[in-house]
């Protein structure tokens, strides 16, 4: 059970990284994969973009904070489930 949660978090992490890398190629976000990743990742990233402004107006660090947060929350969920179901 814990492995499934960790795997899902890892997959979502890779999706965020892929979406950020696609942002470097303007036409890539308009592709089929770019649109799917946008629909899956953008709602999560928008939470952080509301509170974290871009540095210098150009550099968006919200994906970094989002990755740290998802790892932290995921590890917390796994730890709580391990305590409950022991």
PDB file of N, CA and C in Angstrom:
ATOM      1  N   UNK A   1       0.826  -1.198   0.000  1.00  0.00           N
ATOM      2  CA  UNK A   1       0.000   0.000   0.000  1.00  0.00           C
ATOM      3  C   UNK A   1       0.867   1.257   0.000  1.00  0.00           C
ATOM      4  N   UNK A   2       1.924   1.238   0.818  1.00  0.00           N
ATOM      5  CA  UNK A   2       2.789   2.401   0.903  1.00  0.00           C
ATOM      6  C   UNK A   2       3.559   2.594  -0.400  1.00  0.00           C
ATOM      7  N   UNK A   3       3.884   1.482  -1.033  1.00  0.00           N
ATOM      8  CA  UNK A   3       4.588   1.540  -2.305  1.00  0.00           C
ATOM      9  C   UNK A   3       3.767   2.210  -3.386  1.00  0.00           C
ATOM     10  N   UNK A   4       2.453   1.982  -3.378  1.00  0.00           N
ATOM     11  CA  UNK A   4       1.576   2.610  -4.364  1.00  0.00           C
ATOM     12  C   UNK A   4       1.549   4.127  -4.193  1.00  0.00           C
ATOM     13  N   UNK A   5       1.464   4.561  -2.959  1.00  0.00           N
ATOM     14  CA  UNK A   5       1.434   5.995  -2.683  1.00  0.00           C
ATOM     15  C   UNK A   5       2.752   6.636  -3.104  1.00  0.00           C
ATOM     16  N   UNK A   6       3.852   6.000  -2.745  1.00  0.00           N
ATOM     17  CA  UNK A   6       5.161   6.528  -3.124  1.00  0.00           C
ATOM     18  C   UNK A   6       5.330   6.561  -4.637  1.00  0.00           C
ATOM     19  N   UNK A   7       4.843   5.523  -5.306  1.00  0.00           N
ATOM     20  CA  UNK A   7       4.940   5.469  -6.765  1.00  0.00           C
ATOM     21  C   UNK A   7       4.099   6.559  -7.413  1.00  0.00           C
ATOM     22  N   UNK A   8       2.890   6.777  -6.922  1.00  0.00           N
ATOM     23  CA  UNK A   8       2.040   7.832  -7.473  1.00  0.00           C
ATOM     24  C   UNK A   8       2.673   9.210  -7.290  1.00  0.00           C
ATOM     25  N   UNK A   9       3.267   9.438  -6.141  1.00  0.00           N
ATOM     26  CA  UNK A   9       3.917  10.722  -5.890  1.00  0.00           C
ATOM     27  C   UNK A   9       5.128  10.880  -6.803  1.00  0.00           C
ATOM     28  N   UNK A  10       5.861   9.808  -7.006  1.00  0.00           N
ATOM     29  CA  UNK A  10       7.016   9.869  -7.892  1.00  0.00           C
ATOM     30  C   UNK A  10       6.596  10.144  -9.339  1.00  0.00           C
ATOM     31  N   UNK A  11       5.531   9.509  -9.793  1.00  0.00           N
ATOM     32  CA  UNK A  11       5.023   9.749 -11.144  1.00  0.00           C
ATOM     33  C   UNK A  11       4.581  11.202 -11.296  1.00  0.00           C
ATOM     34  N   UNK A  12       3.860  11.714 -10.312  1.00  0.00           N
ATOM     35  CA  UNK A  12       3.394  13.102 -10.380  1.00  0.00           C
ATOM     36  C   UNK A  12       4.581  14.068 -10.355  1.00  0.00           C
ATOM     37  N   UNK A  13       5.618  13.726  -9.598  1.00  0.00           N
ATOM     38  CA  UNK A  13       6.825  14.540  -9.568  1.00  0.00           C
ATOM     39  C   UNK A  13       7.452  14.617 -10.953  1.00  0.00           C
ATOM     40  N   UNK A  14       7.549  13.475 -11.627  1.00  0.00           N
ATOM     41  CA  UNK A  14       8.108  13.461 -12.981  1.00  0.00           C
ATOM     42  C   UNK A  14       7.225  14.233 -13.955  1.00  0.00           C
ATOM     43  N   UNK A  15       5.933  14.195 -13.734  1.00  0.00           N
ATOM     44  CA  UNK A  15       5.021  14.961 -14.587  1.00  0.00           C
ATOM     45  C   UNK A  15       5.265  16.461 -14.426  1.00  0.00           C
ATOM     46  N   UNK A  16       5.483  16.911 -13.199  1.00  0.00           N
ATOM     47  CA  UNK A  16       5.772  18.323 -12.944  1.00  0.00           C
ATOM     48  C   UNK A  16       7.085  18.711 -13.616  1.00  0.00           C
ATOM     49  N   UNK A  17       8.093  17.876 -13.471  1.00  0.00           N
ATOM     50  CA  UNK A  17       9.392  18.166 -14.083  1.00  0.00           C
ATOM     51  C   UNK A  17       9.266  18.228 -15.601  1.00  0.00           C
ATOM     52  N   UNK A  18       8.540  17.293 -16.190  1.00  0.00           N
ATOM     53  CA  UNK A  18       8.342  17.297 -17.648  1.00  0.00           C
ATOM     54  C   UNK A  18       7.609  18.557 -18.087  1.00  0.00           C
ATOM     55  N   UNK A  19       6.612  18.969 -17.323  1.00  0.00           N
ATOM     56  CA  UNK A  19       5.850  20.173 -17.662  1.00  0.00           C
ATOM     57  C   UNK A  19       6.739  21.415 -17.605  1.00  0.00           C
ATOM     58  N   UNK A  20       7.601  21.481 -16.612  1.00  0.00           N
ATOM     59  CA  UNK A  20       8.518  22.617 -16.498  1.00  0.00           C
ATOM     60  C   UNK A  20       9.502  22.610 -17.670  1.00  0.00           C
ATOM     61  N   UNK A  21      10.009  21.449 -18.028  1.00  0.00           N
ATOM     62  CA  UNK A  21      10.929  21.374 -19.164  1.00  0.00           C
ATOM     63  C   UNK A  21      10.239  21.751 -20.470  1.00  0.00           C
ATOM     64  N   UNK A  22       8.967  21.391 -20.606  1.00  0.00           N
ATOM     65  CA  UNK A  22       8.218  21.766 -21.803  1.00  0.00           C
ATOM     66  C   UNK A  22       8.020  23.279 -21.897  1.00  0.00           C
ATOM     67  N   UNK A  23       8.056  23.946 -20.758  1.00  0.00           N
ATOM     68  CA  UNK A  23       7.871  25.400 -20.784  1.00  0.00           C
ATOM     69  C   UNK A  23       9.043  26.100 -21.457  1.00  0.00           C
ATOM     70  N   UNK A  24      10.180  25.439 -21.559  1.00  0.00           N
ATOM     71  CA  UNK A  24      11.330  26.027 -22.238  1.00  0.00           C
ATOM     72  C   UNK A  24      11.159  26.011 -23.750  1.00  0.00           C
ATOM     73  N   UNK A  25      10.264  25.166 -24.248  1.00  0.00           N
ATOM     74  CA  UNK A  25       9.995  25.079 -25.682  1.00  0.00           C
ATOM     75  C   UNK A  25       8.569  25.560 -25.923  1.00  0.00           C
ATOM     76  N   UNK A  26       8.392  26.744 -26.436  1.00  0.00           N
ATOM     77  CA  UNK A  26       7.048  27.333 -26.545  1.00  0.00           C
ATOM     78  C   UNK A  26       6.039  26.470 -27.312  1.00  0.00           C
ATOM     79  N   UNK A  27       6.450  25.832 -28.366  1.00  0.00           N
ATOM     80  CA  UNK A  27       5.508  25.034 -29.154  1.00  0.00           C
ATOM     81  C   UNK A  27       5.172  23.706 -28.483  1.00  0.00           C
ATOM     82  N   UNK A  28       5.991  23.276 -27.542  1.00  0.00           N
ATOM     83  CA  UNK A  28       5.778  21.979 -26.907  1.00  0.00           C
ATOM     84  C   UNK A  28       4.543  21.967 -26.008  1.00  0.00           C
ATOM     85  N   UNK A  29       4.222  23.088 -25.398  1.00  0.00           N
ATOM     86  CA  UNK A  29       3.038  23.134 -24.539  1.00  0.00           C
ATOM     87  C   UNK A  29       1.747  23.035 -25.334  1.00  0.00           C
ATOM     88  N   UNK A  30       1.804  23.369 -26.608  1.00  0.00           N
ATOM     89  CA  UNK A  30       0.619  23.268 -27.456  1.00  0.00           C
ATOM     90  C   UNK A  30       0.443  21.867 -28.034  1.00  0.00           C
ATOM     91  N   UNK A  31       1.405  20.992 -27.796  1.00  0.00           N
ATOM     92  CA  UNK A  31       1.296  19.625 -28.297  1.00  0.00           C
ATOM     93  C   UNK A  31       0.295  18.837 -27.449  1.00  0.00           C
ATOM     94  N   UNK A  32      -0.020  17.654 -27.901  1.00  0.00           N
ATOM     95  CA  UNK A  32      -0.974  16.795 -27.199  1.00  0.00           C
ATOM     96  C   UNK A  32      -0.494  16.476 -25.781  1.00  0.00           C
ATOM     97  N   UNK A  33       0.757  16.095 -25.661  1.00  0.00           N
ATOM     98  CA  UNK A  33       1.311  15.748 -24.347  1.00  0.00           C
ATOM     99  C   UNK A  33       1.390  16.987 -23.459  1.00  0.00           C
ATOM    100  N   UNK A  34       1.763  18.119 -24.041  1.00  0.00           N
ATOM    101  CA  UNK A  34       1.828  19.356 -23.274  1.00  0.00           C
ATOM    102  C   UNK A  34       0.478  19.771 -22.714  1.00  0.00           C
ATOM    103  N   UNK A  35      -0.568  19.576 -23.504  1.00  0.00           N
ATOM    104  CA  UNK A  35      -1.912  19.913 -23.033  1.00  0.00           C
ATOM    105  C   UNK A  35      -2.372  18.978 -21.923  1.00  0.00           C
ATOM    106  N   UNK A  36      -2.078  17.682 -22.056  1.00  0.00           N
ATOM    107  CA  UNK A  36      -2.455  16.724 -21.007  1.00  0.00           C
ATOM    108  C   UNK A  36      -1.712  17.038 -19.722  1.00  0.00           C
ATOM    109  N   UNK A  37      -0.402  17.258 -19.821  1.00  0.00           N
ATOM    110  CA  UNK A  37       0.369  17.592 -18.622  1.00  0.00           C
ATOM    111  C   UNK A  37      -0.135  18.888 -17.997  1.00  0.00           C
ATOM    112  N   UNK A  38      -0.487  19.860 -18.826  1.00  0.00           N
ATOM    113  CA  UNK A  38      -1.011  21.119 -18.304  1.00  0.00           C
ATOM    114  C   UNK A  38      -2.292  20.931 -17.514  1.00  0.00           C
ATOM    115  N   UNK A  39      -3.186  20.089 -18.026  1.00  0.00           N
ATOM    116  CA  UNK A  39      -4.452  19.841 -17.325  1.00  0.00           C
ATOM    117  C   UNK A  39      -4.238  19.097 -16.005  1.00  0.00           C
ATOM    118  N   UNK A  40      -3.205  18.275 -15.932  1.00  0.00           N
ATOM    119  CA  UNK A  40      -2.963  17.501 -14.724  1.00  0.00           C
ATOM    120  C   UNK A  40      -2.105  18.237 -13.699  1.00  0.00           C
ATOM    121  N   UNK A  41      -1.182  19.058 -14.168  1.00  0.00           N
ATOM    122  CA  UNK A  41      -0.197  19.679 -13.277  1.00  0.00           C
ATOM    123  C   UNK A  41      -0.547  21.127 -12.923  1.00  0.00           C
ATOM    124  N   UNK A  42      -1.122  21.844 -13.852  1.00  0.00           N
ATOM    125  CA  UNK A  42      -1.370  23.275 -13.641  1.00  0.00           C
ATOM    126  C   UNK A  42      -2.257  23.583 -12.425  1.00  0.00           C
ATOM    127  N   UNK A  43      -3.308  22.805 -12.137  1.00  0.00           N
ATOM    128  CA  UNK A  43      -4.091  23.119 -10.924  1.00  0.00           C
ATOM    129  C   UNK A  43      -3.262  23.059  -9.641  1.00  0.00           C
ATOM    130  N   UNK A  44      -2.343  22.110  -9.564  1.00  0.00           N
ATOM    131  CA  UNK A  44      -1.476  21.999  -8.384  1.00  0.00           C
ATOM    132  C   UNK A  44      -0.478  23.156  -8.346  1.00  0.00           C
ATOM    133  N   UNK A  45       0.136  23.476  -9.478  1.00  0.00           N
ATOM    134  CA  UNK A  45       1.120  24.561  -9.511  1.00  0.00           C
ATOM    135  C   UNK A  45       0.479  25.927  -9.277  1.00  0.00           C
ATOM    136  N   UNK A  46      -0.760  26.097  -9.690  1.00  0.00           N
ATOM    137  CA  UNK A  46      -1.417  27.395  -9.524  1.00  0.00           C
ATOM    138  C   UNK A  46      -1.580  27.762  -8.050  1.00  0.00           C
ATOM    139  N   UNK A  47      -1.689  26.776  -7.193  1.00  0.00           N
ATOM    140  CA  UNK A  47      -1.762  27.041  -5.747  1.00  0.00           C
ATOM    141  C   UNK A  47      -0.506  27.781  -5.298  1.00  0.00           C
ATOM    142  N   UNK A  48       0.643  27.329  -5.748  1.00  0.00           N
ATOM    143  CA  UNK A  48       1.905  27.932  -5.338  1.00  0.00           C
ATOM    144  C   UNK A  48       2.176  29.242  -6.072  1.00  0.00           C
ATOM    145  N   UNK A  49       1.717  29.360  -7.297  1.00  0.00           N
ATOM    146  CA  UNK A  49       1.929  30.591  -8.064  1.00  0.00           C
ATOM    147  C   UNK A  49       1.156  31.770  -7.476  1.00  0.00           C
ATOM    148  N   UNK A  50       0.076  31.489  -6.748  1.00  0.00           N
ATOM    149  CA  UNK A  50      -0.670  32.577  -6.103  1.00  0.00           C
ATOM    150  C   UNK A  50       0.144  33.249  -5.011  1.00  0.00           C
ATOM    151  N   UNK A  51       1.013  32.469  -4.344  1.00  0.00           N
ATOM    152  CA  UNK A  51       1.745  32.982  -3.188  1.00  0.00           C
ATOM    153  C   UNK A  51       3.205  33.310  -3.478  1.00  0.00           C
ATOM    154  N   UNK A  52       3.761  32.745  -4.537  1.00  0.00           N
ATOM    155  CA  UNK A  52       5.180  32.927  -4.833  1.00  0.00           C
ATOM    156  C   UNK A  52       5.318  33.675  -6.152  1.00  0.00           C
ATOM    157  N   UNK A  53       5.699  34.935  -6.099  1.00  0.00           N
ATOM    158  CA  UNK A  53       5.862  35.693  -7.348  1.00  0.00           C
ATOM    159  C   UNK A  53       7.155  35.279  -8.057  1.00  0.00           C
ATOM    160  N   UNK A  54       7.198  35.450  -9.369  1.00  0.00           N
ATOM    161  CA  UNK A  54       8.439  35.153 -10.105  1.00  0.00           C
ATOM    162  C   UNK A  54       9.574  36.074  -9.663  1.00  0.00           C
ATOM    163  N   UNK A  55      10.767  35.532  -9.639  1.00  0.00           N
ATOM    164  CA  UNK A  55      11.938  36.318  -9.258  1.00  0.00           C
ATOM    165  C   UNK A  55      12.371  37.134 -10.469  1.00  0.00           C
ATOM    166  N   UNK A  56      12.497  38.414 -10.287  1.00  0.00           N
ATOM    167  CA  UNK A  56      12.906  39.286 -11.383  1.00  0.00           C
ATOM    168  C   UNK A  56      11.889  39.347 -12.509  1.00  0.00           C
ATOM    169  N   UNK A  57      10.676  38.897 -12.248  1.00  0.00           N
ATOM    170  CA  UNK A  57       9.637  38.925 -13.260  1.00  0.00           C
ATOM    171  C   UNK A  57       9.729  37.821 -14.297  1.00  0.00           C
ATOM    172  N   UNK A  58      10.785  36.992 -14.225  1.00  0.00           N
ATOM    173  CA  UNK A  58      10.984  35.977 -15.255  1.00  0.00           C
ATOM    174  C   UNK A  58      11.142  34.557 -14.704  1.00  0.00           C
ATOM    175  N   UNK A  59      11.775  34.398 -13.573  1.00  0.00           N
ATOM    176  CA  UNK A  59      12.117  33.076 -13.057  1.00  0.00           C
ATOM    177  C   UNK A  59      11.050  32.621 -12.068  1.00  0.00           C
ATOM    178  N   UNK A  60      10.349  31.576 -12.442  1.00  0.00           N
ATOM    179  CA  UNK A  60       9.267  31.038 -11.617  1.00  0.00           C
ATOM    180  C   UNK A  60       9.808  29.896 -10.764  1.00  0.00           C
ATOM    181  N   UNK A  61       9.870  30.113  -9.455  1.00  0.00           N
ATOM    182  CA  UNK A  61      10.387  29.069  -8.568  1.00  0.00           C
ATOM    183  C   UNK A  61       9.263  28.255  -7.917  1.00  0.00           C
ATOM    184  N   UNK A  62       8.026  28.552  -8.282  1.00  0.00           N
ATOM    185  CA  UNK A  62       6.913  27.819  -7.675  1.00  0.00           C
ATOM    186  C   UNK A  62       6.963  26.310  -7.952  1.00  0.00           C
ATOM    187  N   UNK A  63       7.432  25.839  -9.110  1.00  0.00           N
ATOM    188  CA  UNK A  63       7.536  24.385  -9.281  1.00  0.00           C
ATOM    189  C   UNK A  63       8.517  23.729  -8.312  1.00  0.00           C
ATOM    190  N   UNK A  64       9.574  24.446  -7.952  1.00  0.00           N
ATOM    191  CA  UNK A  64      10.534  23.885  -6.995  1.00  0.00           C
ATOM    192  C   UNK A  64       9.872  23.724  -5.635  1.00  0.00           C
ATOM    193  N   UNK A  65       9.153  24.750  -5.212  1.00  0.00           N
ATOM    194  CA  UNK A  65       8.452  24.686  -3.927  1.00  0.00           C
ATOM    195  C   UNK A  65       7.367  23.610  -3.979  1.00  0.00           C
ATOM    196  N   UNK A  66       6.686  23.491  -5.122  1.00  0.00           N
ATOM    197  CA  UNK A  66       5.641  22.470  -5.279  1.00  0.00           C
ATOM    198  C   UNK A  66       6.232  21.070  -5.194  1.00  0.00           C
ATOM    199  N   UNK A  67       7.402  20.855  -5.772  1.00  0.00           N
ATOM    200  CA  UNK A  67       8.048  19.545  -5.695  1.00  0.00           C
ATOM    201  C   UNK A  67       8.455  19.206  -4.261  1.00  0.00           C
ATOM    202  N   UNK A  68       8.987  20.188  -3.568  1.00  0.00           N
ATOM    203  CA  UNK A  68       9.364  19.967  -2.163  1.00  0.00           C
ATOM    204  C   UNK A  68       8.117  19.656  -1.340  1.00  0.00           C
ATOM    205  N   UNK A  69       7.045  20.394  -1.579  1.00  0.00           N
ATOM    206  CA  UNK A  69       5.811  20.195  -0.812  1.00  0.00           C
ATOM    207  C   UNK A  69       5.211  18.817  -1.073  1.00  0.00           C
ATOM    208  N   UNK A  70       5.193  18.372  -2.326  1.00  0.00           N
ATOM    209  CA  UNK A  70       4.579  17.075  -2.618  1.00  0.00           C
ATOM    210  C   UNK A  70       5.401  15.941  -2.016  1.00  0.00           C
ATOM    211  N   UNK A  71       6.705  16.093  -2.009  1.00  0.00           N
ATOM    212  CA  UNK A  71       7.550  15.074  -1.367  1.00  0.00           C
ATOM    213  C   UNK A  71       7.298  15.042   0.146  1.00  0.00           C
ATOM    214  N   UNK A  72       7.250  16.226   0.746  1.00  0.00           N
ATOM    215  CA  UNK A  72       7.037  16.327   2.186  1.00  0.00           C
ATOM    216  C   UNK A  72       5.686  15.737   2.583  1.00  0.00           C
ATOM    217  N   UNK A  73       4.646  16.115   1.877  1.00  0.00           N
ATOM    218  CA  UNK A  73       3.299  15.613   2.178  1.00  0.00           C
ATOM    219  C   UNK A  73       3.209  14.109   1.915  1.00  0.00           C
ATOM    220  N   UNK A  74       3.804  13.665   0.827  1.00  0.00           N
ATOM    221  CA  UNK A  74       3.776  12.237   0.511  1.00  0.00           C
ATOM    222  C   UNK A  74       4.459  11.397   1.574  1.00  0.00           C
ATOM    223  N   UNK A  75       5.620  11.836   2.013  1.00  0.00           N
ATOM    224  CA  UNK A  75       6.327  11.109   3.077  1.00  0.00           C
ATOM    225  C   UNK A  75       5.529  11.141   4.378  1.00  0.00           C
ATOM    226  N   UNK A  76       4.860  12.264   4.634  1.00  0.00           N
ATOM    227  CA  UNK A  76       4.022  12.362   5.829  1.00  0.00           C
ATOM    228  C   UNK A  76       2.848  11.402   5.775  1.00  0.00           C
ATOM    229  N   UNK A  77       2.205  11.293   4.617  1.00  0.00           N
ATOM    230  CA  UNK A  77       1.077  10.369   4.469  1.00  0.00           C
ATOM    231  C   UNK A  77       1.536   8.933   4.672  1.00  0.00           C
ATOM    232  N   UNK A  78       2.658   8.581   4.081  1.00  0.00           N
ATOM    233  CA  UNK A  78       3.176   7.223   4.237  1.00  0.00           C
ATOM    234  C   UNK A  78       3.525   6.952   5.706  1.00  0.00           C
ATOM    235  N   UNK A  79       4.120   7.904   6.388  1.00  0.00           N
ATOM    236  CA  UNK A  79       4.480   7.721   7.801  1.00  0.00           C
ATOM    237  C   UNK A  79       3.233   7.540   8.657  1.00  0.00           C
ATOM    238  N   UNK A  80       2.206   8.341   8.412  1.00  0.00           N
ATOM    239  CA  UNK A  80       0.963   8.226   9.183  1.00  0.00           C
ATOM    240  C   UNK A  80       0.301   6.866   8.920  1.00  0.00           C
ATOM    241  N   UNK A  81       0.246   6.461   7.668  1.00  0.00           N
ATOM    242  CA  UNK A  81      -0.360   5.162   7.344  1.00  0.00           C
ATOM    243  C   UNK A  81       0.422   4.014   7.960  1.00  0.00           C
ATOM    244  N   UNK A  82       1.729   4.118   8.021  1.00  0.00           N
ATOM    245  CA  UNK A  82       2.531   3.081   8.656  1.00  0.00           C
ATOM    246  C   UNK A  82       2.253   3.005  10.154  1.00  0.00           C
ATOM    247  N   UNK A  83       2.041   4.155  10.777  1.00  0.00           N
ATOM    248  CA  UNK A  83       1.738   4.152  12.208  1.00  0.00           C
ATOM    249  C   UNK A  83       0.341   3.573  12.465  1.00  0.00           C
ATOM    250  N   UNK A  84      -0.615   3.900  11.621  1.00  0.00           N
ATOM    251  CA  UNK A  84      -1.986   3.468  11.830  1.00  0.00           C
ATOM    252  C   UNK A  84      -2.153   1.973  11.563  1.00  0.00           C
ATOM    253  N   UNK A  85      -1.531   1.485  10.497  1.00  0.00           N
ATOM    254  CA  UNK A  85      -1.766   0.104  10.088  1.00  0.00           C
ATOM    255  C   UNK A  85      -0.663  -0.852  10.514  1.00  0.00           C
ATOM    256  N   UNK A  86       0.041  -0.571  11.554  1.00  0.00           N
ATOM    257  CA  UNK A  86       1.051  -1.486  12.069  1.00  0.00           C
ATOM    258  C   UNK A  86       0.484  -2.509  12.943  1.00  0.00           C
TER     259      UNK A  86
END
